[in-house]
């Protein structure tokens, strides 16, 4: 099942890298569902599956995917380690997975839109493309104030004109199509199963390729000169 990026998906550096067949460096920043909790093989995490699918779709692409997920991390915690765990790698594209621990364990989402915007601006200042990834559709999330966090993430993405990849909607639509919650979610009711990580990684890769292909095919706007 596929999930498109939101309408503000331009990704200029990623598009240029794909057009040239690389090099393309992607950093996946986030918490335990980026790190891939419960998966012993890094290739089975969502960043690992993202890399696998991109290589399948673009076999000539020179590609590196860095997994900078950390267990139990939060939005402020992510931002605090941007320099060391993201910007040091000089990425073309940063996929920032956010929201789960902040709303589930720590605090209301009410005060976090500004911190998300702050983080996006730090990444964009280094000229990286940015994709936000929202919460997972899972029992622990559904029992929290998830709707406030979803709204904060969407608001920040719209304000800063960066694309949003909604794994929440991807997982919900997969379950509406007949998959069970247990098919995509691990035993803890929060993290993804191996199939869930695969679904997310492959869908995100296809979304990136679709957007960049559209960008390549769209002719540049003509700028009229003053006479």
Foldseek 3Di string as FASTA:
>chain_A
DAFAWDPLAQLVLLLVQVVVLDDAEEEEEEECLLVPPPDPDSCLRLQNLLVVLLCVVRVSHNYHYHRHYYHLAALVRRLVCCVPRPVVVLHQEYEYEHDDNCFLPNDFCPPCLVSVLVSVVVCCVSVHAYEYEYFAQWDSCVVTPNVSNVVSVVVSCVVVSHIYGYNNVVVVVVVVVPDDRPQFPPPVRGHGDSVVSNSNNNNVSVNSVVSSVVSVPDDDDDDDDDD
